[in-house]
Amino acid sequence: MKLFEIVKEIANCIKRVDSDDYVNVESGEIIDTEALDALKVERDVKIENIGKWILNLEAEEKALAEQEQRFKERKQAAKKKREDLKNYLAYILGGKNFKCTACEMKFRQSEAVVFNGNFKDIPGEYLRFKEPEIDKDKVKKALKAGEKIDGFTLEKRQNLSVA
Protein backbone atom coordinates (compact mmCIF):
# COMPACT_ATOMS: atom_id res chain seq x y z
CA MET A 1 0.00 0.00 0.00
CA LYS A 2 1.50 3.30 -1.06
CA LEU A 3 0.14 6.68 -0.05
CA PHE A 4 3.14 8.62 -1.27
CA GLU A 5 5.67 8.24 -4.03
CA ILE A 6 9.17 7.94 -2.64
CA VAL A 7 12.34 8.99 -4.46
CA LYS A 8 13.60 5.91 -6.27
CA GLU A 9 17.11 6.13 -4.79
CA ILE A 10 15.70 6.06 -1.26
CA ALA A 11 13.36 3.17 -2.04
CA ASN A 12 16.34 1.28 -3.46
CA CYS A 13 17.98 1.31 -0.02
CA ILE A 14 15.97 -1.79 0.81
CA LYS A 15 18.02 -4.90 0.23
CA ARG A 16 16.07 -8.05 -0.42
CA VAL A 17 17.28 -11.34 0.96
CA ASP A 18 17.77 -12.68 -2.56
CA SER A 19 21.51 -12.42 -2.13
CA ASP A 20 23.68 -14.41 0.26
CA ASP A 21 25.13 -11.17 1.67
CA TYR A 22 22.10 -10.39 3.81
CA VAL A 23 19.96 -12.67 5.88
CA ASN A 24 16.76 -11.48 7.50
CA VAL A 25 14.33 -14.34 7.90
CA GLU A 26 11.61 -12.23 9.51
CA SER A 27 10.94 -9.50 6.94
CA GLY A 28 13.08 -10.39 3.98
CA GLU A 29 14.27 -6.80 3.90
CA ILE A 30 17.09 -4.81 5.42
CA ILE A 31 17.35 -1.05 5.35
CA ASP A 32 20.79 -0.24 4.04
CA THR A 33 21.55 2.80 6.20
CA GLU A 34 25.02 3.20 4.70
CA ALA A 35 23.56 3.52 1.22
CA LEU A 36 20.90 5.86 2.59
CA ASP A 37 23.57 8.09 4.15
CA ALA A 38 25.65 8.06 0.95
CA LEU A 39 22.80 9.21 -1.30
CA LYS A 40 23.47 12.47 -3.07
CA VAL A 41 19.94 13.70 -2.45
CA GLU A 42 19.21 17.06 -0.88
CA ARG A 43 18.88 16.70 2.91
CA ASP A 44 15.30 18.04 3.10
CA VAL A 45 14.20 15.82 0.20
CA LYS A 46 15.77 12.82 1.92
CA ILE A 47 14.05 13.63 5.23
CA GLU A 48 10.67 14.23 3.54
CA ASN A 49 10.86 10.98 1.61
CA ILE A 50 11.86 8.95 4.64
CA GLY A 51 8.87 10.49 6.44
CA LYS A 52 6.63 9.43 3.53
CA TRP A 53 8.14 5.96 3.71
CA ILE A 54 7.30 5.76 7.43
CA LEU A 55 3.70 6.85 6.73
CA ASN A 56 3.41 4.21 3.98
CA LEU A 57 4.67 1.54 6.38
CA GLU A 58 2.25 2.66 9.10
CA ALA A 59 -0.64 2.42 6.61
CA GLU A 60 0.51 -1.05 5.56
CA GLU A 61 0.81 -2.12 9.21
CA LYS A 62 -2.74 -0.89 9.90
CA ALA A 63 -4.13 -2.69 6.83
CA LEU A 64 -2.40 -5.92 7.86
CA ALA A 65 -3.74 -5.63 11.43
CA GLU A 66 -7.27 -5.16 10.08
CA GLN A 67 -6.85 -8.17 7.80
CA GLU A 68 -5.48 -10.19 10.72
CA GLN A 69 -8.62 -9.29 12.74
CA ARG A 70 -10.89 -10.36 9.87
CA PHE A 71 -9.03 -13.70 9.63
CA LYS A 72 -9.30 -14.15 13.41
CA GLU A 73 -13.06 -13.59 13.26
CA ARG A 74 -13.43 -16.02 10.35
CA LYS A 75 -11.34 -18.60 12.21
CA GLN A 76 -13.51 -18.27 15.32
CA ALA A 77 -16.70 -18.58 13.23
CA ALA A 78 -15.36 -21.71 11.49
CA LYS A 79 -14.37 -23.23 14.84
CA LYS A 80 -17.80 -22.54 16.35
CA LYS A 81 -19.55 -23.98 13.30
CA ARG A 82 -17.33 -27.10 13.47
CA GLU A 83 -18.08 -27.58 17.18
CA ASP A 84 -21.82 -27.11 16.61
CA LEU A 85 -21.79 -29.69 13.81
CA LYS A 86 -19.81 -32.16 15.96
CA ASN A 87 -22.32 -31.74 18.79
CA TYR A 88 -25.21 -32.29 16.37
CA LEU A 89 -23.56 -35.44 14.98
CA ALA A 90 -22.91 -36.76 18.49
CA TYR A 91 -26.59 -36.25 19.28
CA ILE A 92 -27.74 -37.94 16.05
CA LEU A 93 -25.32 -40.87 16.39
CA GLY A 94 -26.23 -41.45 20.03
CA GLY A 95 -22.79 -42.85 20.91
CA LYS A 96 -22.61 -45.27 17.97
CA ASN A 97 -19.70 -45.19 15.51
CA PHE A 98 -20.30 -44.43 11.83
CA LYS A 99 -18.20 -45.06 8.74
CA CYS A 100 -18.64 -44.00 5.13
CA THR A 101 -16.35 -43.61 2.13
CA ALA A 102 -15.45 -39.99 2.98
CA CYS A 103 -14.89 -40.19 6.73
CA GLU A 104 -15.25 -42.15 9.93
CA MET A 105 -16.80 -41.02 13.20
CA LYS A 106 -15.79 -42.76 16.41
CA PHE A 107 -16.52 -42.08 20.03
CA ARG A 108 -13.73 -42.43 22.56
CA GLN A 109 -13.72 -42.25 26.32
CA SER A 110 -11.96 -39.40 28.08
CA GLU A 111 -11.73 -37.93 31.55
CA ALA A 112 -12.04 -34.31 32.64
CA VAL A 113 -11.72 -32.65 36.02
CA VAL A 114 -14.80 -30.56 36.85
CA PHE A 115 -14.64 -28.06 39.71
CA ASN A 116 -17.82 -26.94 41.43
CA GLY A 117 -16.59 -26.20 44.94
CA ASN A 118 -15.23 -23.15 46.76
CA PHE A 119 -11.94 -21.80 45.40
CA LYS A 120 -10.69 -20.97 48.91
CA ASP A 121 -10.92 -24.64 49.95
CA ILE A 122 -8.43 -25.88 47.32
CA PRO A 123 -5.10 -26.96 48.90
CA GLY A 124 -2.14 -24.90 47.70
CA GLU A 125 -0.41 -27.89 46.13
CA TYR A 126 -3.19 -28.02 43.52
CA LEU A 127 -2.90 -24.38 42.49
CA ARG A 128 -0.67 -22.76 39.87
CA PHE A 129 0.47 -19.16 40.13
CA LYS A 130 1.56 -16.89 37.31
CA GLU A 131 4.87 -15.07 37.38
CA PRO A 132 4.71 -11.68 39.10
CA GLU A 133 4.35 -8.70 36.79
CA ILE A 134 5.45 -5.10 37.39
CA ASP A 135 2.66 -2.52 37.28
CA LYS A 136 4.70 0.13 35.47
CA ASP A 137 1.83 2.66 35.46
CA LYS A 138 1.61 2.50 39.24
CA VAL A 139 5.40 2.74 39.60
CA LYS A 140 5.48 5.73 37.23
CA LYS A 141 2.81 7.57 39.23
CA ALA A 142 4.69 6.90 42.47
CA LEU A 143 8.01 8.11 41.00
CA LYS A 144 6.34 11.26 39.64
CA ALA A 145 4.90 11.86 43.10
CA GLY A 146 8.45 11.87 44.48
CA GLU A 147 8.59 8.39 45.98
CA LYS A 148 11.87 6.50 45.80
CA ILE A 149 11.55 2.86 44.78
CA ASP A 150 14.65 0.65 44.71
CA GLY A 151 15.61 -0.41 41.21
CA PHE A 152 13.41 2.14 39.44
CA THR A 153 14.14 5.52 37.90
CA LEU A 154 12.05 7.76 35.69
CA GLU A 155 13.86 8.20 32.39
CA LYS A 156 13.04 11.06 30.00
CA ARG A 157 12.95 9.99 26.37
CA GLN A 158 12.48 11.76 23.09
CA ASN A 159 10.21 9.99 20.61
CA LEU A 160 9.83 10.92 16.96
CA SER A 161 6.32 11.28 15.61
CA VAL A 162 5.62 11.24 11.89
CA ALA A 163 2.20 12.49 10.81
C-alpha atoms as a PDB file:
ATOM      1  CA  MET A   1       0.000   0.000   0.000  1.00  0.00           C
ATOM      2  CA  LYS A   2       1.504   3.302  -1.060  1.00  0.00           C
ATOM      3  CA  LEU A   3       0.135   6.680  -0.048  1.00  0.00           C
ATOM      4  CA  PHE A   4       3.141   8.624  -1.271  1.00  0.00           C
ATOM      5  CA  GLU A   5       5.671   8.240  -4.028  1.00  0.00           C
ATOM      6  CA  ILE A   6       9.174   7.936  -2.637  1.00  0.00           C
ATOM      7  CA  VAL A   7      12.335   8.993  -4.464  1.00  0.00           C
ATOM      8  CA  LYS A   8      13.597   5.906  -6.269  1.00  0.00           C
ATOM      9  CA  GLU A   9      17.110   6.133  -4.794  1.00  0.00           C
ATOM     10  CA  ILE A  10      15.698   6.063  -1.264  1.00  0.00           C
ATOM     11  CA  ALA A  11      13.358   3.165  -2.044  1.00  0.00           C
ATOM     12  CA  ASN A  12      16.342   1.280  -3.464  1.00  0.00           C
ATOM     13  CA  CYS A  13      17.979   1.311  -0.024  1.00  0.00           C
ATOM     14  CA  ILE A  14      15.967  -1.791   0.815  1.00  0.00           C
ATOM     15  CA  LYS A  15      18.023  -4.902   0.233  1.00  0.00           C
ATOM     16  CA  ARG A  16      16.068  -8.052  -0.418  1.00  0.00           C
ATOM     17  CA  VAL A  17      17.285 -11.342   0.958  1.00  0.00           C
ATOM     18  CA  ASP A  18      17.765 -12.680  -2.561  1.00  0.00           C
ATOM     19  CA  SER A  19      21.515 -12.423  -2.135  1.00  0.00           C
ATOM     20  CA  ASP A  20      23.682 -14.411   0.265  1.00  0.00           C
ATOM     21  CA  ASP A  21      25.133 -11.173   1.669  1.00  0.00           C
ATOM     22  CA  TYR A  22      22.101 -10.394   3.809  1.00  0.00           C
ATOM     23  CA  VAL A  23      19.961 -12.672   5.880  1.00  0.00           C
ATOM     24  CA  ASN A  24      16.761 -11.482   7.505  1.00  0.00           C
ATOM     25  CA  VAL A  25      14.325 -14.342   7.902  1.00  0.00           C
ATOM     26  CA  GLU A  26      11.606 -12.232   9.515  1.00  0.00           C
ATOM     27  CA  SER A  27      10.942  -9.498   6.944  1.00  0.00           C
ATOM     28  CA  GLY A  28      13.085 -10.392   3.975  1.00  0.00           C
ATOM     29  CA  GLU A  29      14.269  -6.800   3.904  1.00  0.00           C
ATOM     30  CA  ILE A  30      17.088  -4.812   5.424  1.00  0.00           C
ATOM     31  CA  ILE A  31      17.351  -1.053   5.353  1.00  0.00           C
ATOM     32  CA  ASP A  32      20.793  -0.238   4.040  1.00  0.00           C
ATOM     33  CA  THR A  33      21.554   2.799   6.200  1.00  0.00           C
ATOM     34  CA  GLU A  34      25.024   3.204   4.699  1.00  0.00           C
ATOM     35  CA  ALA A  35      23.564   3.518   1.215  1.00  0.00           C
ATOM     36  CA  LEU A  36      20.898   5.864   2.588  1.00  0.00           C
ATOM     37  CA  ASP A  37      23.571   8.088   4.150  1.00  0.00           C
ATOM     38  CA  ALA A  38      25.645   8.063   0.953  1.00  0.00           C
ATOM     39  CA  LEU A  39      22.803   9.211  -1.296  1.00  0.00           C
ATOM     40  CA  LYS A  40      23.469  12.470  -3.075  1.00  0.00           C
ATOM     41  CA  VAL A  41      19.942  13.696  -2.454  1.00  0.00           C
ATOM     42  CA  GLU A  42      19.209  17.064  -0.876  1.00  0.00           C
ATOM     43  CA  ARG A  43      18.877  16.697   2.910  1.00  0.00           C
ATOM     44  CA  ASP A  44      15.304  18.041   3.098  1.00  0.00           C
ATOM     45  CA  VAL A  45      14.199  15.821   0.200  1.00  0.00           C
ATOM     46  CA  LYS A  46      15.768  12.821   1.918  1.00  0.00           C
ATOM     47  CA  ILE A  47      14.046  13.632   5.230  1.00  0.00           C
ATOM     48  CA  GLU A  48      10.675  14.228   3.537  1.00  0.00           C
ATOM     49  CA  ASN A  49      10.859  10.979   1.610  1.00  0.00           C
ATOM     50  CA  ILE A  50      11.863   8.951   4.642  1.00  0.00           C
ATOM     51  CA  GLY A  51       8.866  10.487   6.443  1.00  0.00           C
ATOM     52  CA  LYS A  52       6.630   9.433   3.535  1.00  0.00           C
ATOM     53  CA  TRP A  53       8.139   5.955   3.709  1.00  0.00           C
ATOM     54  CA  ILE A  54       7.297   5.755   7.428  1.00  0.00           C
ATOM     55  CA  LEU A  55       3.701   6.848   6.726  1.00  0.00           C
ATOM     56  CA  ASN A  56       3.411   4.213   3.981  1.00  0.00           C
ATOM     57  CA  LEU A  57       4.673   1.537   6.379  1.00  0.00           C
ATOM     58  CA  GLU A  58       2.249   2.664   9.105  1.00  0.00           C
ATOM     59  CA  ALA A  59      -0.643   2.421   6.609  1.00  0.00           C
ATOM     60  CA  GLU A  60       0.515  -1.047   5.562  1.00  0.00           C
ATOM     61  CA  GLU A  61       0.806  -2.121   9.205  1.00  0.00           C
ATOM     62  CA  LYS A  62      -2.743  -0.895   9.900  1.00  0.00           C
ATOM     63  CA  ALA A  63      -4.132  -2.689   6.829  1.00  0.00           C
ATOM     64  CA  LEU A  64      -2.403  -5.917   7.861  1.00  0.00           C
ATOM     65  CA  ALA A  65      -3.739  -5.630  11.430  1.00  0.00           C
ATOM     66  CA  GLU A  66      -7.275  -5.162  10.075  1.00  0.00           C
ATOM     67  CA  GLN A  67      -6.850  -8.173   7.796  1.00  0.00           C
ATOM     68  CA  GLU A  68      -5.484 -10.187  10.722  1.00  0.00           C
ATOM     69  CA  GLN A  69      -8.615  -9.289  12.740  1.00  0.00           C
ATOM     70  CA  ARG A  70     -10.885 -10.362   9.867  1.00  0.00           C
ATOM     71  CA  PHE A  71      -9.035 -13.700   9.633  1.00  0.00           C
ATOM     72  CA  LYS A  72      -9.296 -14.152  13.413  1.00  0.00           C
ATOM     73  CA  GLU A  73     -13.061 -13.592  13.263  1.00  0.00           C
ATOM     74  CA  ARG A  74     -13.428 -16.018  10.346  1.00  0.00           C
ATOM     75  CA  LYS A  75     -11.340 -18.600  12.215  1.00  0.00           C
ATOM     76  CA  GLN A  76     -13.509 -18.268  15.317  1.00  0.00           C
ATOM     77  CA  ALA A  77     -16.697 -18.582  13.231  1.00  0.00           C
ATOM     78  CA  ALA A  78     -15.365 -21.712  11.489  1.00  0.00           C
ATOM     79  CA  LYS A  79     -14.370 -23.226  14.838  1.00  0.00           C
ATOM     80  CA  LYS A  80     -17.803 -22.543  16.348  1.00  0.00           C
ATOM     81  CA  LYS A  81     -19.550 -23.984  13.299  1.00  0.00           C
ATOM     82  CA  ARG A  82     -17.325 -27.104  13.474  1.00  0.00           C
ATOM     83  CA  GLU A  83     -18.079 -27.585  17.184  1.00  0.00           C
ATOM     84  CA  ASP A  84     -21.820 -27.109  16.609  1.00  0.00           C
ATOM     85  CA  LEU A  85     -21.786 -29.693  13.810  1.00  0.00           C
ATOM     86  CA  LYS A  86     -19.813 -32.164  15.964  1.00  0.00           C
ATOM     87  CA  ASN A  87     -22.321 -31.738  18.795  1.00  0.00           C
ATOM     88  CA  TYR A  88     -25.207 -32.285  16.368  1.00  0.00           C
ATOM     89  CA  LEU A  89     -23.562 -35.444  14.980  1.00  0.00           C
ATOM     90  CA  ALA A  90     -22.910 -36.756  18.491  1.00  0.00           C
ATOM     91  CA  TYR A  91     -26.589 -36.251  19.281  1.00  0.00           C
ATOM     92  CA  ILE A  92     -27.740 -37.941  16.050  1.00  0.00           C
ATOM     93  CA  LEU A  93     -25.321 -40.875  16.389  1.00  0.00           C
ATOM     94  CA  GLY A  94     -26.228 -41.447  20.030  1.00  0.00           C
ATOM     95  CA  GLY A  95     -22.790 -42.847  20.914  1.00  0.00           C
ATOM     96  CA  LYS A  96     -22.614 -45.275  17.975  1.00  0.00           C
ATOM     97  CA  ASN A  97     -19.696 -45.185  15.513  1.00  0.00           C
ATOM     98  CA  PHE A  98     -20.299 -44.429  11.829  1.00  0.00           C
ATOM     99  CA  LYS A  99     -18.201 -45.062   8.745  1.00  0.00           C
ATOM    100  CA  CYS A 100     -18.636 -43.999   5.128  1.00  0.00           C
ATOM    101  CA  THR A 101     -16.347 -43.611   2.127  1.00  0.00           C
ATOM    102  CA  ALA A 102     -15.451 -39.988   2.980  1.00  0.00           C
ATOM    103  CA  CYS A 103     -14.895 -40.189   6.730  1.00  0.00           C
ATOM    104  CA  GLU A 104     -15.247 -42.151   9.926  1.00  0.00           C
ATOM    105  CA  MET A 105     -16.799 -41.024  13.201  1.00  0.00           C
ATOM    106  CA  LYS A 106     -15.787 -42.759  16.408  1.00  0.00           C
ATOM    107  CA  PHE A 107     -16.517 -42.084  20.028  1.00  0.00           C
ATOM    108  CA  ARG A 108     -13.728 -42.428  22.557  1.00  0.00           C
ATOM    109  CA  GLN A 109     -13.719 -42.251  26.320  1.00  0.00           C
ATOM    110  CA  SER A 110     -11.961 -39.395  28.081  1.00  0.00           C
ATOM    111  CA  GLU A 111     -11.729 -37.927  31.553  1.00  0.00           C
ATOM    112  CA  ALA A 112     -12.035 -34.315  32.637  1.00  0.00           C
ATOM    113  CA  VAL A 113     -11.724 -32.650  36.020  1.00  0.00           C
ATOM    114  CA  VAL A 114     -14.798 -30.565  36.848  1.00  0.00           C
ATOM    115  CA  PHE A 115     -14.643 -28.063  39.715  1.00  0.00           C
ATOM    116  CA  ASN A 116     -17.816 -26.942  41.430  1.00  0.00           C
ATOM    117  CA  GLY A 117     -16.593 -26.195  44.938  1.00  0.00           C
ATOM    118  CA  ASN A 118     -15.235 -23.148  46.759  1.00  0.00           C
ATOM    119  CA  PHE A 119     -11.941 -21.801  45.395  1.00  0.00           C
ATOM    120  CA  LYS A 120     -10.692 -20.971  48.911  1.00  0.00           C
ATOM    121  CA  ASP A 121     -10.918 -24.640  49.947  1.00  0.00           C
ATOM    122  CA  ILE A 122      -8.428 -25.880  47.320  1.00  0.00           C
ATOM    123  CA  PRO A 123      -5.105 -26.964  48.900  1.00  0.00           C
ATOM    124  CA  GLY A 124      -2.143 -24.903  47.704  1.00  0.00           C
ATOM    125  CA  GLU A 125      -0.409 -27.890  46.128  1.00  0.00           C
ATOM    126  CA  TYR A 126      -3.191 -28.020  43.515  1.00  0.00           C
ATOM    127  CA  LEU A 127      -2.900 -24.379  42.491  1.00  0.00           C
ATOM    128  CA  ARG A 128      -0.674 -22.756  39.875  1.00  0.00           C
ATOM    129  CA  PHE A 129       0.469 -19.163  40.132  1.00  0.00           C
ATOM    130  CA  LYS A 130       1.560 -16.885  37.313  1.00  0.00           C
ATOM    131  CA  GLU A 131       4.872 -15.065  37.379  1.00  0.00           C
ATOM    132  CA  PRO A 132       4.706 -11.682  39.098  1.00  0.00           C
ATOM    133  CA  GLU A 133       4.354  -8.703  36.789  1.00  0.00           C
ATOM    134  CA  ILE A 134       5.449  -5.103  37.386  1.00  0.00           C
ATOM    135  CA  ASP A 135       2.659  -2.516  37.278  1.00  0.00           C
ATOM    136  CA  LYS A 136       4.696   0.135  35.466  1.00  0.00           C
ATOM    137  CA  ASP A 137       1.833   2.658  35.455  1.00  0.00           C
ATOM    138  CA  LYS A 138       1.609   2.497  39.244  1.00  0.00           C
ATOM    139  CA  VAL A 139       5.404   2.742  39.604  1.00  0.00           C
ATOM    140  CA  LYS A 140       5.484   5.730  37.228  1.00  0.00           C
ATOM    141  CA  LYS A 141       2.806   7.571  39.233  1.00  0.00           C
ATOM    142  CA  ALA A 142       4.691   6.898  42.474  1.00  0.00           C
ATOM    143  CA  LEU A 143       8.006   8.113  40.999  1.00  0.00           C
ATOM    144  CA  LYS A 144       6.337  11.256  39.644  1.00  0.00           C
ATOM    145  CA  ALA A 145       4.896  11.862  43.104  1.00  0.00           C
ATOM    146  CA  GLY A 146       8.449  11.867  44.480  1.00  0.00           C
ATOM    147  CA  GLU A 147       8.588   8.395  45.984  1.00  0.00           C
ATOM    148  CA  LYS A 148      11.872   6.499  45.805  1.00  0.00           C
ATOM    149  CA  ILE A 149      11.545   2.861  44.776  1.00  0.00           C
ATOM    150  CA  ASP A 150      14.649   0.647  44.709  1.00  0.00           C
ATOM    151  CA  GLY A 151      15.613  -0.412  41.212  1.00  0.00           C
ATOM    152  CA  PHE A 152      13.409   2.137  39.437  1.00  0.00           C
ATOM    153  CA  THR A 153      14.139   5.518  37.896  1.00  0.00           C
ATOM    154  CA  LEU A 154      12.054   7.756  35.693  1.00  0.00           C
ATOM    155  CA  GLU A 155      13.861   8.203  32.392  1.00  0.00           C
ATOM    156  CA  LYS A 156      13.044  11.061  30.004  1.00  0.00           C
ATOM    157  CA  ARG A 157      12.953   9.986  26.373  1.00  0.00           C
ATOM    158  CA  GLN A 158      12.482  11.762  23.092  1.00  0.00           C
ATOM    159  CA  ASN A 159      10.205   9.991  20.611  1.00  0.00           C
ATOM    160  CA  LEU A 160       9.826  10.920  16.957  1.00  0.00           C
ATOM    161  CA  SER A 161       6.317  11.279  15.609  1.00  0.00           C
ATOM    162  CA  VAL A 162       5.616  11.241  11.887  1.00  0.00           C
ATOM    163  CA  ALA A 163       2.197  12.492  10.809  1.00  0.00           C
END
